[in-house]
């Protein structure tokens, strides 16, 4: 069987996850932009993306004190468990 990305992982929208964590922590787009040294409009662009590079995700994880990599890993583990 050829390797494939599980639909539940492929379907995870990291921008939505970032937006959700920002809301939970009460962090505005302007505040996150300040923390990661970018423009506020860039934060809105990030929130619209399904995927972002790992360096940017690391910066956001540190700025929000949230492990998004763990979220992705858990989603992958859950998906693999369901597929087996």
PDB file of N, CA and C in Angstrom:
ATOM      1  N   UNK A   1       0.845  -1.178   0.000  1.00  0.00           N
ATOM      2  CA  UNK A   1       0.000   0.000   0.000  1.00  0.00           C
ATOM      3  C   UNK A   1       0.894   1.247   0.000  1.00  0.00           C
ATOM      4  N   UNK A   2       0.706   2.152  -0.944  1.00  0.00           N
ATOM      5  CA  UNK A   2       1.540   3.359  -0.996  1.00  0.00           C
ATOM      6  C   UNK A   2       1.264   4.278   0.190  1.00  0.00           C
ATOM      7  N   UNK A   3       2.291   5.022   0.563  1.00  0.00           N
ATOM      8  CA  UNK A   3       2.176   5.966   1.669  1.00  0.00           C
ATOM      9  C   UNK A   3       1.229   7.089   1.287  1.00  0.00           C
ATOM     10  N   UNK A   4       0.426   7.521   2.266  1.00  0.00           N
ATOM     11  CA  UNK A   4      -0.493   8.639   2.023  1.00  0.00           C
ATOM     12  C   UNK A   4      -0.648   9.446   3.298  1.00  0.00           C
ATOM     13  N   UNK A   5      -1.000  10.695   3.142  1.00  0.00           N
ATOM     14  CA  UNK A   5      -1.256  11.545   4.293  1.00  0.00           C
ATOM     15  C   UNK A   5      -2.680  11.273   4.754  1.00  0.00           C
ATOM     16  N   UNK A   6      -2.869  10.913   6.029  1.00  0.00           N
ATOM     17  CA  UNK A   6      -4.236  10.679   6.521  1.00  0.00           C
ATOM     18  C   UNK A   6      -5.091  11.931   6.353  1.00  0.00           C
ATOM     19  N   UNK A   7      -6.315  11.754   5.943  1.00  0.00           N
ATOM     20  CA  UNK A   7      -7.202  12.888   5.687  1.00  0.00           C
ATOM     21  C   UNK A   7      -7.367  13.801   6.892  1.00  0.00           C
ATOM     22  N   UNK A   8      -7.429  13.236   8.091  1.00  0.00           N
ATOM     23  CA  UNK A   8      -7.631  14.068   9.270  1.00  0.00           C
ATOM     24  C   UNK A   8      -6.435  14.974   9.535  1.00  0.00           C
ATOM     25  N   UNK A   9      -5.236  14.529   9.175  1.00  0.00           N
ATOM     26  CA  UNK A   9      -4.051  15.369   9.353  1.00  0.00           C
ATOM     27  C   UNK A   9      -3.969  16.364   8.213  1.00  0.00           C
ATOM     28  N   UNK A  10      -4.152  15.876   7.005  1.00  0.00           N
ATOM     29  CA  UNK A  10      -4.092  16.743   5.838  1.00  0.00           C
ATOM     30  C   UNK A  10      -5.144  17.836   5.946  1.00  0.00           C
ATOM     31  N   UNK A  11      -6.272  17.493   6.544  1.00  0.00           N
ATOM     32  CA  UNK A  11      -7.364  18.440   6.686  1.00  0.00           C
ATOM     33  C   UNK A  11      -7.195  19.405   7.842  1.00  0.00           C
ATOM     34  N   UNK A  12      -6.173  19.205   8.703  1.00  0.00           N
ATOM     35  CA  UNK A  12      -5.961  20.121   9.825  1.00  0.00           C
ATOM     36  C   UNK A  12      -5.500  21.466   9.276  1.00  0.00           C
ATOM     37  N   UNK A  13      -6.223  22.490   9.609  1.00  0.00           N
ATOM     38  CA  UNK A  13      -5.935  23.848   9.137  1.00  0.00           C
ATOM     39  C   UNK A  13      -5.190  24.588  10.237  1.00  0.00           C
ATOM     40  N   UNK A  14      -3.869  24.688  10.092  1.00  0.00           N
ATOM     41  CA  UNK A  14      -3.052  25.270  11.159  1.00  0.00           C
ATOM     42  C   UNK A  14      -3.412  26.729  11.418  1.00  0.00           C
ATOM     43  N   UNK A  15      -3.807  27.451  10.389  1.00  0.00           N
ATOM     44  CA  UNK A  15      -4.213  28.846  10.574  1.00  0.00           C
ATOM     45  C   UNK A  15      -5.415  28.971  11.491  1.00  0.00           C
ATOM     46  N   UNK A  16      -6.376  28.080  11.319  1.00  0.00           N
ATOM     47  CA  UNK A  16      -7.543  28.075  12.207  1.00  0.00           C
ATOM     48  C   UNK A  16      -7.151  27.719  13.632  1.00  0.00           C
ATOM     49  N   UNK A  17      -6.209  26.782  13.766  1.00  0.00           N
ATOM     50  CA  UNK A  17      -5.746  26.384  15.098  1.00  0.00           C
ATOM     51  C   UNK A  17      -5.054  27.562  15.795  1.00  0.00           C
ATOM     52  N   UNK A  18      -4.242  28.291  15.066  1.00  0.00           N
ATOM     53  CA  UNK A  18      -3.567  29.464  15.625  1.00  0.00           C
ATOM     54  C   UNK A  18      -4.604  30.500  16.049  1.00  0.00           C
ATOM     55  N   UNK A  19      -5.570  30.737  15.196  1.00  0.00           N
ATOM     56  CA  UNK A  19      -6.630  31.710  15.500  1.00  0.00           C
ATOM     57  C   UNK A  19      -7.389  31.304  16.767  1.00  0.00           C
ATOM     58  N   UNK A  20      -7.681  30.016  16.902  1.00  0.00           N
ATOM     59  CA  UNK A  20      -8.409  29.502  18.070  1.00  0.00           C
ATOM     60  C   UNK A  20      -7.603  29.700  19.355  1.00  0.00           C
ATOM     61  N   UNK A  21      -6.313  29.388  19.305  1.00  0.00           N
ATOM     62  CA  UNK A  21      -5.462  29.551  20.491  1.00  0.00           C
ATOM     63  C   UNK A  21      -5.315  31.023  20.840  1.00  0.00           C
ATOM     64  N   UNK A  22      -5.196  31.874  19.841  1.00  0.00           N
ATOM     65  CA  UNK A  22      -5.132  33.316  20.090  1.00  0.00           C
ATOM     66  C   UNK A  22      -6.375  33.778  20.839  1.00  0.00           C
ATOM     67  N   UNK A  23      -7.530  33.306  20.407  1.00  0.00           N
ATOM     68  CA  UNK A  23      -8.790  33.689  21.050  1.00  0.00           C
ATOM     69  C   UNK A  23      -8.840  33.178  22.486  1.00  0.00           C
ATOM     70  N   UNK A  24      -8.423  31.924  22.693  1.00  0.00           N
ATOM     71  CA  UNK A  24      -8.422  31.345  24.049  1.00  0.00           C
ATOM     72  C   UNK A  24      -7.519  32.128  24.995  1.00  0.00           C
ATOM     73  N   UNK A  25      -6.407  32.619  24.467  1.00  0.00           N
ATOM     74  CA  UNK A  25      -5.433  33.318  25.302  1.00  0.00           C
ATOM     75  C   UNK A  25      -5.631  34.831  25.307  1.00  0.00           C
ATOM     76  N   UNK A  26      -6.607  35.302  24.542  1.00  0.00           N
ATOM     77  CA  UNK A  26      -6.881  36.732  24.494  1.00  0.00           C
ATOM     78  C   UNK A  26      -5.783  37.541  23.828  1.00  0.00           C
ATOM     79  N   UNK A  27      -5.140  36.960  22.817  1.00  0.00           N
ATOM     80  CA  UNK A  27      -4.054  37.637  22.108  1.00  0.00           C
ATOM     81  C   UNK A  27      -4.585  38.136  20.758  1.00  0.00           C
ATOM     82  N   UNK A  28      -4.495  39.421  20.542  1.00  0.00           N
ATOM     83  CA  UNK A  28      -4.959  40.013  19.283  1.00  0.00           C
ATOM     84  C   UNK A  28      -3.926  39.787  18.177  1.00  0.00           C
ATOM     85  N   UNK A  29      -4.357  40.018  16.950  1.00  0.00           N
ATOM     86  CA  UNK A  29      -3.442  39.917  15.811  1.00  0.00           C
ATOM     87  C   UNK A  29      -2.310  40.929  15.952  1.00  0.00           C
ATOM     88  N   UNK A  30      -2.638  42.108  16.419  1.00  0.00           N
ATOM     89  CA  UNK A  30      -1.607  43.134  16.616  1.00  0.00           C
ATOM     90  C   UNK A  30      -0.574  42.695  17.649  1.00  0.00           C
ATOM     91  N   UNK A  31      -1.046  42.088  18.734  1.00  0.00           N
ATOM     92  CA  UNK A  31      -0.136  41.638  19.791  1.00  0.00           C
ATOM     93  C   UNK A  31       0.745  40.500  19.297  1.00  0.00           C
ATOM     94  N   UNK A  32       0.181  39.526  18.595  1.00  0.00           N
ATOM     95  CA  UNK A  32       1.000  38.433  18.068  1.00  0.00           C
ATOM     96  C   UNK A  32       2.010  38.978  17.066  1.00  0.00           C
ATOM     97  N   UNK A  33       1.586  39.904  16.233  1.00  0.00           N
ATOM     98  CA  UNK A  33       2.510  40.517  15.269  1.00  0.00           C
ATOM     99  C   UNK A  33       3.677  41.177  15.995  1.00  0.00           C
ATOM    100  N   UNK A  34       3.391  41.862  17.070  1.00  0.00           N
ATOM    101  CA  UNK A  34       4.449  42.504  17.846  1.00  0.00           C
ATOM    102  C   UNK A  34       5.410  41.450  18.410  1.00  0.00           C
ATOM    103  N   UNK A  35       4.846  40.355  18.907  1.00  0.00           N
ATOM    104  CA  UNK A  35       5.667  39.317  19.531  1.00  0.00           C
ATOM    105  C   UNK A  35       6.578  38.598  18.537  1.00  0.00           C
ATOM    106  N   UNK A  36       6.104  38.430  17.299  1.00  0.00           N
ATOM    107  CA  UNK A  36       6.938  37.708  16.318  1.00  0.00           C
ATOM    108  C   UNK A  36       7.575  38.661  15.303  1.00  0.00           C
ATOM    109  N   UNK A  37       7.442  39.957  15.558  1.00  0.00           N
ATOM    110  CA  UNK A  37       8.118  40.991  14.753  1.00  0.00           C
ATOM    111  C   UNK A  37       7.699  40.964  13.280  1.00  0.00           C
ATOM    112  N   UNK A  38       6.397  41.106  13.076  1.00  0.00           N
ATOM    113  CA  UNK A  38       5.880  41.210  11.719  1.00  0.00           C
ATOM    114  C   UNK A  38       4.702  42.166  11.713  1.00  0.00           C
ATOM    115  N   UNK A  39       4.130  42.389  10.573  1.00  0.00           N
ATOM    116  CA  UNK A  39       2.982  43.270  10.420  1.00  0.00           C
ATOM    117  C   UNK A  39       1.688  42.532  10.769  1.00  0.00           C
ATOM    118  N   UNK A  40       0.732  43.248  11.323  1.00  0.00           N
ATOM    119  CA  UNK A  40      -0.557  42.661  11.708  1.00  0.00           C
ATOM    120  C   UNK A  40      -1.231  41.973  10.523  1.00  0.00           C
ATOM    121  N   UNK A  41      -1.124  42.547   9.336  1.00  0.00           N
ATOM    122  CA  UNK A  41      -1.769  41.937   8.169  1.00  0.00           C
ATOM    123  C   UNK A  41      -1.172  40.565   7.858  1.00  0.00           C
ATOM    124  N   UNK A  42       0.100  40.378   8.212  1.00  0.00           N
ATOM    125  CA  UNK A  42       0.734  39.074   8.004  1.00  0.00           C
ATOM    126  C   UNK A  42       0.075  38.008   8.893  1.00  0.00           C
ATOM    127  N   UNK A  43      -0.340  38.396  10.092  1.00  0.00           N
ATOM    128  CA  UNK A  43      -1.020  37.455  10.988  1.00  0.00           C
ATOM    129  C   UNK A  43      -2.323  36.974  10.358  1.00  0.00           C
ATOM    130  N   UNK A  44      -3.057  37.881   9.747  1.00  0.00           N
ATOM    131  CA  UNK A  44      -4.310  37.483   9.076  1.00  0.00           C
ATOM    132  C   UNK A  44      -4.023  36.534   7.917  1.00  0.00           C
ATOM    133  N   UNK A  45      -2.932  36.751   7.218  1.00  0.00           N
ATOM    134  CA  UNK A  45      -2.553  35.848   6.120  1.00  0.00           C
ATOM    135  C   UNK A  45      -2.190  34.467   6.667  1.00  0.00           C
ATOM    136  N   UNK A  46      -1.481  34.444   7.789  1.00  0.00           N
ATOM    137  CA  UNK A  46      -1.130  33.169   8.423  1.00  0.00           C
ATOM    138  C   UNK A  46      -2.393  32.416   8.825  1.00  0.00           C
ATOM    139  N   UNK A  47      -3.351  33.125   9.404  1.00  0.00           N
ATOM    140  CA  UNK A  47      -4.595  32.491   9.850  1.00  0.00           C
ATOM    141  C   UNK A  47      -5.388  31.899   8.685  1.00  0.00           C
ATOM    142  N   UNK A  48      -5.158  32.393   7.486  1.00  0.00           N
ATOM    143  CA  UNK A  48      -5.876  31.891   6.309  1.00  0.00           C
ATOM    144  C   UNK A  48      -5.206  30.659   5.694  1.00  0.00           C
ATOM    145  N   UNK A  49      -3.992  30.336   6.131  1.00  0.00           N
ATOM    146  CA  UNK A  49      -3.237  29.237   5.523  1.00  0.00           C
ATOM    147  C   UNK A  49      -3.523  27.899   6.189  1.00  0.00           C
ATOM    148  N   UNK A  50      -3.561  26.856   5.354  1.00  0.00           N
ATOM    149  CA  UNK A  50      -3.709  25.490   5.868  1.00  0.00           C
ATOM    150  C   UNK A  50      -2.413  24.981   6.459  1.00  0.00           C
ATOM    151  N   UNK A  51      -1.295  25.466   5.926  1.00  0.00           N
ATOM    152  CA  UNK A  51       0.016  24.999   6.364  1.00  0.00           C
ATOM    153  C   UNK A  51       1.004  26.162   6.337  1.00  0.00           C
ATOM    154  N   UNK A  52       1.972  26.129   7.266  1.00  0.00           N
ATOM    155  CA  UNK A  52       3.029  27.134   7.288  1.00  0.00           C
ATOM    156  C   UNK A  52       4.355  26.434   7.554  1.00  0.00           C
ATOM    157  N   UNK A  53       5.466  27.135   7.315  1.00  0.00           N
ATOM    158  CA  UNK A  53       6.764  26.493   7.524  1.00  0.00           C
ATOM    159  C   UNK A  53       7.052  26.337   9.021  1.00  0.00           C
ATOM    160  N   UNK A  54       7.929  25.414   9.326  1.00  0.00           N
ATOM    161  CA  UNK A  54       8.186  25.057  10.721  1.00  0.00           C
ATOM    162  C   UNK A  54       8.866  26.173  11.505  1.00  0.00           C
ATOM    163  N   UNK A  55       9.711  26.973  10.864  1.00  0.00           N
ATOM    164  CA  UNK A  55      10.361  28.070  11.573  1.00  0.00           C
ATOM    165  C   UNK A  55       9.318  29.077  12.051  1.00  0.00           C
ATOM    166  N   UNK A  56       8.382  29.436  11.183  1.00  0.00           N
ATOM    167  CA  UNK A  56       7.320  30.366  11.560  1.00  0.00           C
ATOM    168  C   UNK A  56       6.435  29.749  12.643  1.00  0.00           C
ATOM    169  N   UNK A  57       6.117  28.476  12.513  1.00  0.00           N
ATOM    170  CA  UNK A  57       5.285  27.822  13.525  1.00  0.00           C
ATOM    171  C   UNK A  57       5.999  27.780  14.875  1.00  0.00           C
ATOM    172  N   UNK A  58       7.309  27.615  14.859  1.00  0.00           N
ATOM    173  CA  UNK A  58       8.084  27.649  16.110  1.00  0.00           C
ATOM    174  C   UNK A  58       7.986  29.025  16.755  1.00  0.00           C
ATOM    175  N   UNK A  59       8.147  30.077  15.979  1.00  0.00           N
ATOM    176  CA  UNK A  59       8.055  31.436  16.509  1.00  0.00           C
ATOM    177  C   UNK A  59       6.673  31.696  17.111  1.00  0.00           C
ATOM    178  N   UNK A  60       5.633  31.249  16.417  1.00  0.00           N
ATOM    179  CA  UNK A  60       4.269  31.447  16.909  1.00  0.00           C
ATOM    180  C   UNK A  60       4.033  30.620  18.170  1.00  0.00           C
ATOM    181  N   UNK A  61       4.541  29.387  18.180  1.00  0.00           N
ATOM    182  CA  UNK A  61       4.407  28.529  19.368  1.00  0.00           C
ATOM    183  C   UNK A  61       5.022  29.197  20.589  1.00  0.00           C
ATOM    184  N   UNK A  62       6.203  29.752  20.426  1.00  0.00           N
ATOM    185  CA  UNK A  62       6.872  30.426  21.532  1.00  0.00           C
ATOM    186  C   UNK A  62       6.123  31.687  21.947  1.00  0.00           C
ATOM    187  N   UNK A  63       5.657  32.446  20.975  1.00  0.00           N
ATOM    188  CA  UNK A  63       4.951  33.701  21.265  1.00  0.00           C
ATOM    189  C   UNK A  63       3.635  33.464  21.993  1.00  0.00           C
ATOM    190  N   UNK A  64       2.971  32.349  21.678  1.00  0.00           N
ATOM    191  CA  UNK A  64       1.677  32.052  22.289  1.00  0.00           C
ATOM    192  C   UNK A  64       1.803  31.048  23.446  1.00  0.00           C
ATOM    193  N   UNK A  65       3.017  30.581  23.690  1.00  0.00           N
ATOM    194  CA  UNK A  65       3.241  29.572  24.722  1.00  0.00           C
ATOM    195  C   UNK A  65       2.305  28.378  24.522  1.00  0.00           C
ATOM    196  N   UNK A  66       2.309  27.875  23.280  1.00  0.00           N
ATOM    197  CA  UNK A  66       1.460  26.736  22.919  1.00  0.00           C
ATOM    198  C   UNK A  66       2.230  25.854  21.944  1.00  0.00           C
ATOM    199  N   UNK A  67       2.205  24.558  22.155  1.00  0.00           N
ATOM    200  CA  UNK A  67       2.933  23.613  21.317  1.00  0.00           C
ATOM    201  C   UNK A  67       2.050  23.128  20.156  1.00  0.00           C
ATOM    202  N   UNK A  68       2.108  23.861  19.045  1.00  0.00           N
ATOM    203  CA  UNK A  68       1.332  23.476  17.863  1.00  0.00           C
ATOM    204  C   UNK A  68       1.870  22.196  17.244  1.00  0.00           C
ATOM    205  N   UNK A  69       3.149  21.913  17.432  1.00  0.00           N
ATOM    206  CA  UNK A  69       3.722  20.675  16.915  1.00  0.00           C
ATOM    207  C   UNK A  69       3.113  19.468  17.625  1.00  0.00           C
ATOM    208  N   UNK A  70       2.847  19.604  18.898  1.00  0.00           N
ATOM    209  CA  UNK A  70       2.186  18.539  19.653  1.00  0.00           C
ATOM    210  C   UNK A  70       0.765  18.328  19.120  1.00  0.00           C
ATOM    211  N   UNK A  71       0.082  19.421  18.815  1.00  0.00           N
ATOM    212  CA  UNK A  71      -1.268  19.308  18.238  1.00  0.00           C
ATOM    213  C   UNK A  71      -1.225  18.510  16.936  1.00  0.00           C
ATOM    214  N   UNK A  72      -0.242  18.827  16.089  1.00  0.00           N
ATOM    215  CA  UNK A  72      -0.116  18.114  14.815  1.00  0.00           C
ATOM    216  C   UNK A  72       0.237  16.653  15.041  1.00  0.00           C
ATOM    217  N   UNK A  73       1.139  16.400  15.975  1.00  0.00           N
ATOM    218  CA  UNK A  73       1.535  15.031  16.283  1.00  0.00           C
ATOM    219  C   UNK A  73       0.359  14.220  16.827  1.00  0.00           C
ATOM    220  N   UNK A  74      -0.395  14.813  17.732  1.00  0.00           N
ATOM    221  CA  UNK A  74      -1.572  14.123  18.286  1.00  0.00           C
ATOM    222  C   UNK A  74      -2.596  13.836  17.207  1.00  0.00           C
ATOM    223  N   UNK A  75      -2.779  14.778  16.296  1.00  0.00           N
ATOM    224  CA  UNK A  75      -3.719  14.578  15.199  1.00  0.00           C
ATOM    225  C   UNK A  75      -3.260  13.425  14.309  1.00  0.00           C
ATOM    226  N   UNK A  76      -1.962  13.363  14.061  1.00  0.00           N
ATOM    227  CA  UNK A  76      -1.418  12.272  13.257  1.00  0.00           C
ATOM    228  C   UNK A  76      -1.584  10.934  13.972  1.00  0.00           C
ATOM    229  N   UNK A  77      -1.261  10.896  15.264  1.00  0.00           N
ATOM    230  CA  UNK A  77      -1.401   9.659  16.036  1.00  0.00           C
ATOM    231  C   UNK A  77      -2.847   9.173  16.055  1.00  0.00           C
ATOM    232  N   UNK A  78      -3.767  10.102  16.259  1.00  0.00           N
ATOM    233  CA  UNK A  78      -5.192   9.743  16.267  1.00  0.00           C
ATOM    234  C   UNK A  78      -5.603   9.177  14.914  1.00  0.00           C
ATOM    235  N   UNK A  79      -5.129   9.792  13.865  1.00  0.00           N
ATOM    236  CA  UNK A  79      -5.486   9.357  12.528  1.00  0.00           C
ATOM    237  C   UNK A  79      -4.913   7.964  12.235  1.00  0.00           C
ATOM    238  N   UNK A  80      -3.675   7.751  12.628  1.00  0.00           N
ATOM    239  CA  UNK A  80      -3.060   6.439  12.391  1.00  0.00           C
ATOM    240  C   UNK A  80      -3.756   5.352  13.196  1.00  0.00           C
ATOM    241  N   UNK A  81      -4.186   5.677  14.400  1.00  0.00           N
ATOM    242  CA  UNK A  81      -4.914   4.704  15.227  1.00  0.00           C
ATOM    243  C   UNK A  81      -6.234   4.314  14.573  1.00  0.00           C
ATOM    244  N   UNK A  82      -6.918   5.299  14.018  1.00  0.00           N
ATOM    245  CA  UNK A  82      -8.203   5.026  13.362  1.00  0.00           C
ATOM    246  C   UNK A  82      -8.020   4.216  12.088  1.00  0.00           C
ATOM    247  N   UNK A  83      -6.904   4.442  11.370  1.00  0.00           N
ATOM    248  CA  UNK A  83      -6.661   3.756  10.113  1.00  0.00           C
ATOM    249  C   UNK A  83      -6.260   2.290  10.308  1.00  0.00           C
ATOM    250  N   UNK A  84      -5.784   1.954  11.495  1.00  0.00           N
ATOM    251  CA  UNK A  84      -5.305   0.567  11.742  1.00  0.00           C
ATOM    252  C   UNK A  84      -6.359  -0.282  12.362  1.00  0.00           C
TER     253      UNK A  84
END
